[in-house]
PDB file of N, CA and C in Angstrom:
ATOM      1  N   MET A   1     -89.450-232.579 228.357  1.00  0.00           N
ATOM      2  CA  MET A   1     -88.186-231.595 228.937  1.00  0.00           C
ATOM      3  C   MET A   1     -87.182-231.581 227.589  1.00  0.00           C
ATOM      4  N   LYS A   2     -86.887-230.512 227.356  1.00  0.00           N
ATOM      5  CA  LYS A   2     -85.589-230.577 226.418  1.00  0.00           C
ATOM      6  C   LYS A   2     -84.500-230.074 226.984  1.00  0.00           C
ATOM      7  N   ILE A   3     -83.343-230.753 226.621  1.00  0.00           N
ATOM      8  CA  ILE A   3     -81.951-230.114 226.674  1.00  0.00           C
ATOM      9  C   ILE A   3     -81.566-229.931 225.699  1.00  0.00           C
ATOM     10  N   MET A   4     -80.200-228.956 225.771  1.00  0.00           N
ATOM     11  CA  MET A   4     -79.449-228.777 224.692  1.00  0.00           C
ATOM     12  C   MET A   4     -78.061-229.266 225.003  1.00  0.00           C
ATOM     13  N   LEU A   5     -77.308-229.878 224.043  1.00  0.00           N
ATOM     14  CA  LEU A   5     -76.107-230.276 224.094  1.00  0.00           C
ATOM     15  C   LEU A   5     -75.212-229.554 223.357  1.00  0.00           C
ATOM     16  N   ALA A   6     -73.899-229.004 223.886  1.00  0.00           N
ATOM     17  CA  ALA A   6     -72.987-228.593 222.858  1.00  0.00           C
ATOM     18  C   ALA A   6     -71.901-229.703 222.367  1.00  0.00           C
ATOM     19  N   THR A   7     -72.078-229.947 221.251  1.00  0.00           N
ATOM     20  CA  THR A   7     -71.303-231.000 220.649  1.00  0.00           C
ATOM     21  C   THR A   7     -70.402-230.605 219.218  1.00  0.00           C
ATOM     22  N   ASP A   8     -69.155-231.620 219.208  1.00  0.00           N
ATOM     23  CA  ASP A   8     -68.158-231.438 218.102  1.00  0.00           C
ATOM     24  C   ASP A   8     -68.847-232.046 217.036  1.00  0.00           C
ATOM     25  N   ASN A   9     -70.115-232.965 217.070  1.00  0.00           N
ATOM     26  CA  ASN A   9     -70.333-233.861 215.871  1.00  0.00           C
ATOM     27  C   ASN A   9     -71.888-233.511 216.003  1.00  0.00           C
ATOM     28  N   PRO A  10     -72.649-234.001 214.724  1.00  0.00           N
ATOM     29  CA  PRO A  10     -73.941-233.464 214.875  1.00  0.00           C
ATOM     30  C   PRO A  10     -74.781-235.028 214.862  1.00  0.00           C
ATOM     31  N   SER A  11     -74.120-235.906 215.951  1.00  0.00           N
ATOM     32  CA  SER A  11     -75.183-237.103 216.028  1.00  0.00           C
ATOM     33  C   SER A  11     -74.834-237.177 217.819  1.00  0.00           C
ATOM     34  N   LEU A  12     -75.475-238.444 218.153  1.00  0.00           N
ATOM     35  CA  LEU A  12     -75.416-238.526 219.788  1.00  0.00           C
ATOM     36  C   LEU A  12     -74.130-239.281 220.098  1.00  0.00           C
ATOM     37  N   GLU A  13     -73.230-239.604 219.252  1.00  0.00           N
ATOM     38  CA  GLU A  13     -72.020-240.334 219.387  1.00  0.00           C
ATOM     39  C   GLU A  13     -70.849-239.018 219.581  1.00  0.00           C
ATOM     40  N   GLY A  14     -71.282-237.807 219.131  1.00  0.00           N
ATOM     41  CA  GLY A  14     -70.485-236.575 219.238  1.00  0.00           C
ATOM     42  C   GLY A  14     -70.022-236.223 220.426  1.00  0.00           C
ATOM     43  N   LYS A  15     -68.700-235.986 220.817  1.00  0.00           N
ATOM     44  CA  LYS A  15     -68.426-235.435 222.115  1.00  0.00           C
ATOM     45  C   LYS A  15     -68.793-234.068 222.699  1.00  0.00           C
ATOM     46  N   ILE A  16     -69.061-234.072 223.951  1.00  0.00           N
ATOM     47  CA  ILE A  16     -69.126-232.691 224.407  1.00  0.00           C
ATOM     48  C   ILE A  16     -68.217-231.869 224.125  1.00  0.00           C
ATOM     49  N   SER A  17     -68.501-230.489 223.430  1.00  0.00           N
ATOM     50  CA  SER A  17     -67.464-229.713 223.281  1.00  0.00           C
ATOM     51  C   SER A  17     -66.551-229.218 224.428  1.00  0.00           C
ATOM     52  N   ASP A  18     -65.442-228.686 223.930  1.00  0.00           N
ATOM     53  CA  ASP A  18     -64.903-228.039 224.847  1.00  0.00           C
ATOM     54  C   ASP A  18     -64.892-226.413 225.208  1.00  0.00           C
ATOM     55  N   ARG A  19     -66.279-226.024 224.314  1.00  0.00           N
ATOM     56  CA  ARG A  19     -66.466-224.837 224.238  1.00  0.00           C
ATOM     57  C   ARG A  19     -68.313-224.823 224.336  1.00  0.00           C
ATOM     58  N   PHE A  20     -68.495-223.891 224.796  1.00  0.00           N
ATOM     59  CA  PHE A  20     -70.284-223.681 224.851  1.00  0.00           C
ATOM     60  C   PHE A  20     -70.545-222.847 223.443  1.00  0.00           C
ATOM     61  N   ALA A  21     -70.505-221.553 223.595  1.00  0.00           N
ATOM     62  CA  ALA A  21     -71.237-220.788 222.787  1.00  0.00           C
ATOM     63  C   ALA A  21     -70.332-220.917 221.200  1.00  0.00           C
ATOM     64  N   ARG A  22     -69.340-221.223 221.045  1.00  0.00           N
ATOM     65  CA  ARG A  22     -68.484-221.355 219.702  1.00  0.00           C
ATOM     66  C   ARG A  22     -68.633-223.039 219.680  1.00  0.00           C
ATOM     67  N   THR A  23     -69.435-224.036 219.946  1.00  0.00           N
ATOM     68  CA  THR A  23     -69.119-225.071 219.598  1.00  0.00           C
ATOM     69  C   THR A  23     -69.552-225.480 218.342  1.00  0.00           C
ATOM     70  N   SER A  24     -69.196-226.437 217.726  1.00  0.00           N
ATOM     71  CA  SER A  24     -69.535-226.683 216.240  1.00  0.00           C
ATOM     72  C   SER A  24     -71.157-227.122 216.140  1.00  0.00           C
ATOM     73  N   TYR A  25     -71.998-227.830 216.892  1.00  0.00           N
ATOM     74  CA  TYR A  25     -73.536-228.023 216.886  1.00  0.00           C
ATOM     75  C   TYR A  25     -74.246-228.155 218.105  1.00  0.00           C
ATOM     76  N   PHE A  26     -75.163-227.904 218.188  1.00  0.00           N
ATOM     77  CA  PHE A  26     -76.173-227.750 219.438  1.00  0.00           C
ATOM     78  C   PHE A  26     -77.191-229.100 218.782  1.00  0.00           C
ATOM     79  N   LEU A  27     -77.287-229.789 219.972  1.00  0.00           N
ATOM     80  CA  LEU A  27     -78.359-231.000 219.918  1.00  0.00           C
ATOM     81  C   LEU A  27     -79.207-230.539 220.781  1.00  0.00           C
ATOM     82  N   ILE A  28     -80.667-230.515 220.266  1.00  0.00           N
ATOM     83  CA  ILE A  28     -81.788-230.295 221.201  1.00  0.00           C
ATOM     84  C   ILE A  28     -82.570-231.552 221.536  1.00  0.00           C
ATOM     85  N   TYR A  29     -82.341-231.883 222.413  1.00  0.00           N
ATOM     86  CA  TYR A  29     -82.931-233.358 222.877  1.00  0.00           C
ATOM     87  C   TYR A  29     -83.936-233.560 223.701  1.00  0.00           C
ATOM     88  N   ASP A  30     -85.154-234.257 222.959  1.00  0.00           N
ATOM     89  CA  ASP A  30     -86.428-234.220 223.856  1.00  0.00           C
ATOM     90  C   ASP A  30     -86.477-235.536 224.914  1.00  0.00           C
ATOM     91  N   LEU A  31     -86.280-235.561 225.960  1.00  0.00           N
ATOM     92  CA  LEU A  31     -86.140-236.486 227.095  1.00  0.00           C
ATOM     93  C   LEU A  31     -87.598-237.366 227.162  1.00  0.00           C
ATOM     94  N   GLU A  32     -88.407-236.746 226.751  1.00  0.00           N
ATOM     95  CA  GLU A  32     -90.113-237.436 226.697  1.00  0.00           C
ATOM     96  C   GLU A  32     -89.957-238.549 225.361  1.00  0.00           C
ATOM     97  N   ASN A  33     -89.533-238.145 224.186  1.00  0.00           N
ATOM     98  CA  ASN A  33     -89.852-238.979 223.173  1.00  0.00           C
ATOM     99  C   ASN A  33     -88.481-239.537 222.630  1.00  0.00           C
ATOM    100  N   GLY A  34     -87.338-238.995 222.962  1.00  0.00           N
ATOM    101  CA  GLY A  34     -86.056-239.339 222.566  1.00  0.00           C
ATOM    102  C   GLY A  34     -85.619-238.710 221.133  1.00  0.00           C
ATOM    103  N   ASN A  35     -86.575-237.949 220.465  1.00  0.00           N
ATOM    104  CA  ASN A  35     -86.021-237.229 219.363  1.00  0.00           C
ATOM    105  C   ASN A  35     -85.064-235.978 219.589  1.00  0.00           C
ATOM    106  N   PHE A  36     -84.115-235.925 218.631  1.00  0.00           N
ATOM    107  CA  PHE A  36     -83.314-234.656 218.730  1.00  0.00           C
ATOM    108  C   PHE A  36     -83.304-234.136 217.339  1.00  0.00           C
ATOM    109  N   GLN A  37     -83.003-232.560 217.673  1.00  0.00           N
ATOM    110  CA  GLN A  37     -82.660-231.945 216.122  1.00  0.00           C
ATOM    111  C   GLN A  37     -81.419-231.272 216.365  1.00  0.00           C
ATOM    112  N   VAL A  38     -80.645-231.152 215.195  1.00  0.00           N
ATOM    113  CA  VAL A  38     -79.110-230.753 215.009  1.00  0.00           C
ATOM    114  C   VAL A  38     -79.125-229.383 214.898  1.00  0.00           C
ATOM    115  N   ILE A  39     -78.623-228.227 215.405  1.00  0.00           N
ATOM    116  CA  ILE A  39     -78.365-227.284 215.118  1.00  0.00           C
ATOM    117  C   ILE A  39     -76.911-226.832 214.639  1.00  0.00           C
ATOM    118  N   ASP A  40     -76.821-226.257 213.427  1.00  0.00           N
ATOM    119  CA  ASP A  40     -75.288-226.164 213.058  1.00  0.00           C
ATOM    120  C   ASP A  40     -75.059-224.662 213.587  1.00  0.00           C
ATOM    121  N   ASN A  41     -73.894-224.715 214.376  1.00  0.00           N
ATOM    122  CA  ASN A  41     -73.707-223.529 215.209  1.00  0.00           C
ATOM    123  C   ASN A  41     -72.540-222.512 214.271  1.00  0.00           C
ATOM    124  N   SER A  42     -72.203-222.910 212.963  1.00  0.00           N
ATOM    125  CA  SER A  42     -71.398-222.044 212.348  1.00  0.00           C
ATOM    126  C   SER A  42     -71.594-220.563 211.906  1.00  0.00           C
ATOM    127  N   SER A  43     -72.905-220.515 212.056  1.00  0.00           N
ATOM    128  CA  SER A  43     -73.346-218.901 211.512  1.00  0.00           C
ATOM    129  C   SER A  43     -73.683-218.358 212.933  1.00  0.00           C
ATOM    130  N   ILE A  44     -73.200-218.601 214.216  1.00  0.00           N
ATOM    131  CA  ILE A  44     -73.494-217.607 215.226  1.00  0.00           C
ATOM    132  C   ILE A  44     -72.601-216.557 215.328  1.00  0.00           C
ATOM    133  N   GLY A  45     -71.879-216.436 214.625  1.00  0.00           N
ATOM    134  CA  GLY A  45     -70.878-215.127 214.553  1.00  0.00           C
ATOM    135  C   GLY A  45     -69.770-214.951 215.538  1.00  0.00           C
ATOM    136  N   THR A  46     -69.018-213.842 215.760  1.00  0.00           N
ATOM    137  CA  THR A  46     -68.038-213.811 216.586  1.00  0.00           C
ATOM    138  C   THR A  46     -68.315-212.871 217.873  1.00  0.00           C
ATOM    139  N   HIS A  47     -69.251-211.792 217.901  1.00  0.00           N
ATOM    140  CA  HIS A  47     -69.516-210.959 218.706  1.00  0.00           C
ATOM    141  C   HIS A  47     -70.850-211.431 219.443  1.00  0.00           C
ATOM    142  N   GLY A  48     -70.802-211.463 220.628  1.00  0.00           N
ATOM    143  CA  GLY A  48     -71.866-211.950 221.366  1.00  0.00           C
ATOM    144  C   GLY A  48     -72.424-213.447 221.344  1.00  0.00           C
ATOM    145  N   ALA A  49     -71.558-214.295 221.170  1.00  0.00           N
ATOM    146  CA  ALA A  49     -71.915-215.542 220.883  1.00  0.00           C
ATOM    147  C   ALA A  49     -72.426-216.386 222.042  1.00  0.00           C
ATOM    148  N   GLY A  50     -72.096-216.033 223.337  1.00  0.00           N
ATOM    149  CA  GLY A  50     -72.772-216.661 224.533  1.00  0.00           C
ATOM    150  C   GLY A  50     -74.133-216.215 224.606  1.00  0.00           C
ATOM    151  N   PRO A  51     -74.641-214.957 224.871  1.00  0.00           N
ATOM    152  CA  PRO A  51     -75.928-214.579 224.743  1.00  0.00           C
ATOM    153  C   PRO A  51     -76.842-215.280 223.529  1.00  0.00           C
ATOM    154  N   LYS A  52     -76.167-215.149 222.410  1.00  0.00           N
ATOM    155  CA  LYS A  52     -76.862-215.644 221.227  1.00  0.00           C
ATOM    156  C   LYS A  52     -77.204-217.349 221.419  1.00  0.00           C
ATOM    157  N   ALA A  53     -76.230-217.917 221.670  1.00  0.00           N
ATOM    158  CA  ALA A  53     -76.411-219.380 222.299  1.00  0.00           C
ATOM    159  C   ALA A  53     -77.219-219.572 223.296  1.00  0.00           C
ATOM    160  N   VAL A  54     -77.405-218.603 224.255  1.00  0.00           N
ATOM    161  CA  VAL A  54     -78.339-218.974 225.383  1.00  0.00           C
ATOM    162  C   VAL A  54     -80.251-218.551 224.773  1.00  0.00           C
ATOM    163  N   GLN A  55     -79.956-217.569 224.171  1.00  0.00           N
ATOM    164  CA  GLN A  55     -81.268-217.264 223.246  1.00  0.00           C
ATOM    165  C   GLN A  55     -81.549-218.465 222.519  1.00  0.00           C
ATOM    166  N   LEU A  56     -80.902-218.808 221.967  1.00  0.00           N
ATOM    167  CA  LEU A  56     -81.109-220.148 221.121  1.00  0.00           C
ATOM    168  C   LEU A  56     -81.961-221.110 222.064  1.00  0.00           C
ATOM    169  N   ALA A  57     -81.536-221.724 223.131  1.00  0.00           N
ATOM    170  CA  ALA A  57     -81.826-222.596 224.305  1.00  0.00           C
ATOM    171  C   ALA A  57     -83.301-221.746 224.566  1.00  0.00           C
ATOM    172  N   ILE A  58     -83.517-220.607 224.977  1.00  0.00           N
ATOM    173  CA  ILE A  58     -84.748-219.904 225.230  1.00  0.00           C
ATOM    174  C   ILE A  58     -85.702-220.222 224.220  1.00  0.00           C
ATOM    175  N   ASP A  59     -85.448-220.132 223.011  1.00  0.00           N
ATOM    176  CA  ASP A  59     -86.385-220.159 221.725  1.00  0.00           C
ATOM    177  C   ASP A  59     -86.632-221.591 221.744  1.00  0.00           C
ATOM    178  N   ASN A  60     -86.085-222.591 221.833  1.00  0.00           N
ATOM    179  CA  ASN A  60     -86.044-223.978 222.217  1.00  0.00           C
ATOM    180  C   ASN A  60     -86.796-224.538 223.212  1.00  0.00           C
ATOM    181  N   LYS A  61     -87.432-223.721 223.844  1.00  0.00           N
ATOM    182  CA  LYS A  61     -87.853-223.901 225.266  1.00  0.00           C
ATOM    183  C   LYS A  61     -86.919-225.114 226.132  1.00  0.00           C
ATOM    184  N   VAL A  62     -85.799-224.995 226.241  1.00  0.00           N
ATOM    185  CA  VAL A  62     -84.884-225.955 226.786  1.00  0.00           C
ATOM    186  C   VAL A  62     -84.645-225.667 228.220  1.00  0.00           C
ATOM    187  N   SER A  63     -84.744-226.649 229.046  1.00  0.00           N
ATOM    188  CA  SER A  63     -84.372-226.565 230.605  1.00  0.00           C
ATOM    189  C   SER A  63     -83.404-226.724 231.117  1.00  0.00           C
ATOM    190  N   ALA A  64     -82.222-227.573 230.564  1.00  0.00           N
ATOM    191  CA  ALA A  64     -81.043-227.500 230.776  1.00  0.00           C
ATOM    192  C   ALA A  64     -80.069-227.767 229.725  1.00  0.00           C
ATOM    193  N   ILE A  65     -78.751-227.203 230.045  1.00  0.00           N
ATOM    194  CA  ILE A  65     -77.560-227.302 229.085  1.00  0.00           C
ATOM    195  C   ILE A  65     -76.601-227.979 229.365  1.00  0.00           C
ATOM    196  N   ILE A  66     -76.077-228.995 228.641  1.00  0.00           N
ATOM    197  CA  ILE A  66     -74.954-230.095 228.839  1.00  0.00           C
ATOM    198  C   ILE A  66     -73.995-229.476 227.917  1.00  0.00           C
ATOM    199  N   SER A  67     -72.795-229.117 228.535  1.00  0.00           N
ATOM    200  CA  SER A  67     -71.559-228.378 227.717  1.00  0.00           C
ATOM    201  C   SER A  67     -70.555-228.524 228.512  1.00  0.00           C
ATOM    202  N   ALA A  68     -69.195-227.885 228.019  1.00  0.00           N
ATOM    203  CA  ALA A  68     -68.262-227.433 229.020  1.00  0.00           C
ATOM    204  C   ALA A  68     -68.609-226.339 229.905  1.00  0.00           C
ATOM    205  N   ILE A  69     -67.729-225.745 230.449  1.00  0.00           N
ATOM    206  CA  ILE A  69     -68.006-224.414 231.362  1.00  0.00           C
ATOM    207  C   ILE A  69     -68.077-223.236 230.458  1.00  0.00           C
ATOM    208  N   PRO A  70     -69.523-222.756 230.356  1.00  0.00           N
ATOM    209  CA  PRO A  70     -69.587-221.660 229.744  1.00  0.00           C
ATOM    210  C   PRO A  70     -68.725-220.367 230.047  1.00  0.00           C
ATOM    211  N   GLY A  71     -68.434-219.457 229.129  1.00  0.00           N
ATOM    212  CA  GLY A  71     -67.665-218.183 229.510  1.00  0.00           C
ATOM    213  C   GLY A  71     -68.516-217.315 230.603  1.00  0.00           C
ATOM    214  N   GLU A  72     -67.893-216.164 231.128  1.00  0.00           N
ATOM    215  CA  GLU A  72     -68.647-215.354 231.875  1.00  0.00           C
ATOM    216  C   GLU A  72     -69.908-214.473 231.277  1.00  0.00           C
ATOM    217  N   THR A  73     -70.030-214.184 230.060  1.00  0.00           N
ATOM    218  CA  THR A  73     -71.011-213.522 229.399  1.00  0.00           C
ATOM    219  C   THR A  73     -72.155-214.631 229.302  1.00  0.00           C
ATOM    220  N   ALA A  74     -71.738-215.730 228.695  1.00  0.00           N
ATOM    221  CA  ALA A  74     -72.813-216.759 228.860  1.00  0.00           C
ATOM    222  C   ALA A  74     -73.358-216.978 229.943  1.00  0.00           C
ATOM    223  N   MET A  75     -72.475-217.280 230.898  1.00  0.00           N
ATOM    224  CA  MET A  75     -73.195-217.733 232.370  1.00  0.00           C
ATOM    225  C   MET A  75     -74.095-216.595 232.816  1.00  0.00           C
ATOM    226  N   GLU A  76     -73.653-215.249 232.710  1.00  0.00           N
ATOM    227  CA  GLU A  76     -74.635-214.135 233.012  1.00  0.00           C
ATOM    228  C   GLU A  76     -76.145-214.306 232.452  1.00  0.00           C
ATOM    229  N   ALA A  77     -76.118-214.766 231.177  1.00  0.00           N
ATOM    230  CA  ALA A  77     -77.458-214.859 230.173  1.00  0.00           C
ATOM    231  C   ALA A  77     -78.207-216.070 230.867  1.00  0.00           C
ATOM    232  N   ILE A  78     -77.311-217.230 231.092  1.00  0.00           N
ATOM    233  CA  ILE A  78     -78.085-218.372 231.528  1.00  0.00           C
ATOM    234  C   ILE A  78     -78.756-218.306 232.869  1.00  0.00           C
ATOM    235  N   LYS A  79     -78.002-217.602 233.879  1.00  0.00           N
ATOM    236  CA  LYS A  79     -78.628-217.193 234.945  1.00  0.00           C
ATOM    237  C   LYS A  79     -79.781-216.530 234.985  1.00  0.00           C
ATOM    238  N   GLU A  80     -79.802-215.583 234.387  1.00  0.00           N
ATOM    239  CA  GLU A  80     -81.170-214.778 234.004  1.00  0.00           C
ATOM    240  C   GLU A  80     -82.046-215.705 233.517  1.00  0.00           C
ATOM    241  N   SER A  81     -81.719-216.317 232.485  1.00  0.00           N
ATOM    242  CA  SER A  81     -82.968-217.409 232.195  1.00  0.00           C
ATOM    243  C   SER A  81     -83.418-218.620 232.793  1.00  0.00           C
ATOM    244  N   LYS A  82     -82.668-218.945 233.900  1.00  0.00           N
ATOM    245  CA  LYS A  82     -82.928-219.799 234.595  1.00  0.00           C
ATOM    246  C   LYS A  82     -82.920-221.145 234.252  1.00  0.00           C
ATOM    247  N   ILE A  83     -82.127-221.207 233.260  1.00  0.00           N
ATOM    248  CA  ILE A  83     -81.734-222.467 232.687  1.00  0.00           C
ATOM    249  C   ILE A  83     -80.745-223.126 233.516  1.00  0.00           C
ATOM    250  N   LYS A  84     -80.479-224.375 233.763  1.00  0.00           N
ATOM    251  CA  LYS A  84     -79.456-225.112 234.533  1.00  0.00           C
ATOM    252  C   LYS A  84     -78.480-225.683 233.569  1.00  0.00           C
ATOM    253  N   VAL A  85     -77.297-225.506 233.871  1.00  0.00           N
ATOM    254  CA  VAL A  85     -76.065-226.185 233.100  1.00  0.00           C
ATOM    255  C   VAL A  85     -75.452-227.265 233.649  1.00  0.00           C
ATOM    256  N   TYR A  86     -74.701-227.936 233.003  1.00  0.00           N
ATOM    257  CA  TYR A  86     -74.364-229.222 233.668  1.00  0.00           C
ATOM    258  C   TYR A  86     -72.884-229.608 232.710  1.00  0.00           C
ATOM    259  N   ASP A  87     -72.026-229.981 233.483  1.00  0.00           N
ATOM    260  CA  ASP A  87     -70.724-230.233 233.096  1.00  0.00           C
ATOM    261  C   ASP A  87     -70.692-231.775 232.444  1.00  0.00           C
ATOM    262  N   GLY A  88     -70.400-231.624 231.104  1.00  0.00           N
ATOM    263  CA  GLY A  88     -70.612-232.876 230.290  1.00  0.00           C
ATOM    264  C   GLY A  88     -69.130-233.249 229.697  1.00  0.00           C
ATOM    265  N   ARG A  89     -68.041-232.474 230.034  1.00  0.00           N
ATOM    266  CA  ARG A  89     -66.894-232.557 229.485  1.00  0.00           C
ATOM    267  C   ARG A  89     -66.372-234.138 229.575  1.00  0.00           C
ATOM    268  N   GLY A  90     -65.817-234.729 228.561  1.00  0.00           N
ATOM    269  CA  GLY A  90     -65.346-235.871 228.868  1.00  0.00           C
ATOM    270  C   GLY A  90     -66.450-236.928 228.252  1.00  0.00           C
ATOM    271  N   LEU A  91     -67.474-236.499 228.128  1.00  0.00           N
ATOM    272  CA  LEU A  91     -68.695-237.627 227.709  1.00  0.00           C
ATOM    273  C   LEU A  91     -69.124-237.196 226.283  1.00  0.00           C
ATOM    274  N   ASN A  92     -69.830-238.342 225.590  1.00  0.00           N
ATOM    275  CA  ASN A  92     -70.319-237.985 224.244  1.00  0.00           C
ATOM    276  C   ASN A  92     -71.867-237.593 224.735  1.00  0.00           C
ATOM    277  N   ALA A  93     -72.582-237.011 223.456  1.00  0.00           N
ATOM    278  CA  ALA A  93     -73.861-236.794 223.888  1.00  0.00           C
ATOM    279  C   ALA A  93     -74.653-237.767 224.655  1.00  0.00           C
ATOM    280  N   LYS A  94     -74.822-239.010 223.962  1.00  0.00           N
ATOM    281  CA  LYS A  94     -75.417-240.052 224.601  1.00  0.00           C
ATOM    282  C   LYS A  94     -75.296-240.317 226.167  1.00  0.00           C
ATOM    283  N   GLU A  95     -73.917-240.335 226.347  1.00  0.00           N
ATOM    284  CA  GLU A  95     -73.364-240.785 227.744  1.00  0.00           C
ATOM    285  C   GLU A  95     -74.003-239.481 228.491  1.00  0.00           C
ATOM    286  N   ALA A  96     -74.029-238.307 228.195  1.00  0.00           N
ATOM    287  CA  ALA A  96     -74.448-237.077 228.890  1.00  0.00           C
ATOM    288  C   ALA A  96     -75.747-237.128 229.334  1.00  0.00           C
ATOM    289  N   ILE A  97     -76.531-237.569 227.984  1.00  0.00           N
ATOM    290  CA  ILE A  97     -78.110-237.520 228.465  1.00  0.00           C
ATOM    291  C   ILE A  97     -78.288-238.678 229.619  1.00  0.00           C
ATOM    292  N   GLU A  98     -77.592-240.098 229.205  1.00  0.00           N
ATOM    293  CA  GLU A  98     -77.946-241.097 230.390  1.00  0.00           C
ATOM    294  C   GLU A  98     -77.512-240.668 231.900  1.00  0.00           C
ATOM    295  N   LYS A  99     -76.355-239.746 231.775  1.00  0.00           N
ATOM    296  CA  LYS A  99     -75.974-239.350 233.214  1.00  0.00           C
ATOM    297  C   LYS A  99     -77.123-238.328 233.763  1.00  0.00           C
ATOM    298  N   PHE A 100     -77.597-237.474 232.806  1.00  0.00           N
ATOM    299  CA  PHE A 100     -78.437-236.481 233.366  1.00  0.00           C
ATOM    300  C   PHE A 100     -79.869-237.154 233.740  1.00  0.00           C
ATOM    301  N   LYS A 101     -80.277-238.068 233.005  1.00  0.00           N
ATOM    302  CA  LYS A 101     -81.476-238.754 233.618  1.00  0.00           C
ATOM    303  C   LYS A 101     -81.159-239.438 234.751  1.00  0.00           C
ATOM    304  N   SER A 102     -80.062-239.782 235.008  1.00  0.00           N
ATOM    305  CA  SER A 102     -79.813-240.836 236.367  1.00  0.00           C
ATOM    306  C   SER A 102     -79.443-239.745 237.556  1.00  0.00           C
ATOM    307  N   GLY A 103     -79.169-238.487 237.253  1.00  0.00           N
ATOM    308  CA  GLY A 103     -78.795-237.469 238.473  1.00  0.00           C
ATOM    309  C   GLY A 103     -77.288-237.427 238.676  1.00  0.00           C
ATOM    310  N   GLU A 104     -76.500-238.512 237.569  1.00  0.00           N
ATOM    311  CA  GLU A 104     -75.100-238.432 238.062  1.00  0.00           C
ATOM    312  C   GLU A 104     -74.122-237.405 237.286  1.00  0.00           C
ATOM    313  N   ILE A 105     -74.837-236.395 236.537  1.00  0.00           N
ATOM    314  CA  ILE A 105     -73.988-235.337 235.821  1.00  0.00           C
ATOM    315  C   ILE A 105     -73.967-234.141 236.830  1.00  0.00           C
ATOM    316  N   LYS A 106     -72.846-233.614 237.119  1.00  0.00           N
ATOM    317  CA  LYS A 106     -72.629-232.473 238.141  1.00  0.00           C
ATOM    318  C   LYS A 106     -73.206-231.051 237.425  1.00  0.00           C
ATOM    319  N   GLU A 107     -74.097-230.317 238.245  1.00  0.00           N
ATOM    320  CA  GLU A 107     -74.607-229.054 237.843  1.00  0.00           C
ATOM    321  C   GLU A 107     -73.328-228.152 237.981  1.00  0.00           C
ATOM    322  N   ILE A 108     -73.374-227.074 236.942  1.00  0.00           N
ATOM    323  CA  ILE A 108     -72.345-226.047 237.440  1.00  0.00           C
ATOM    324  C   ILE A 108     -72.985-224.976 238.023  1.00  0.00           C
TER     325      ILE A 108
END
């Protein structure tokens, strides 16, 4: 299972971003093997960022997103995709992953 985390920094120590679609980075984390890839989000553009970010999750076969609360357009796309979203505000990526694994993180 893969999860996508919206972060301000390209590492597991990076804080979960206050923004979903316009975050600086996305980390795609594989829960089975602990590997992750970093996606620089600077090229996503200004128009339609929410649906583009959700498409990125779909393309990477992500089952869950951990971020701040996504905007309305992004949430519509997320609901259509059947991907679950979790509120990771105040956590770094590593903490959010651990809370996700233990079921302690709140679904949005």
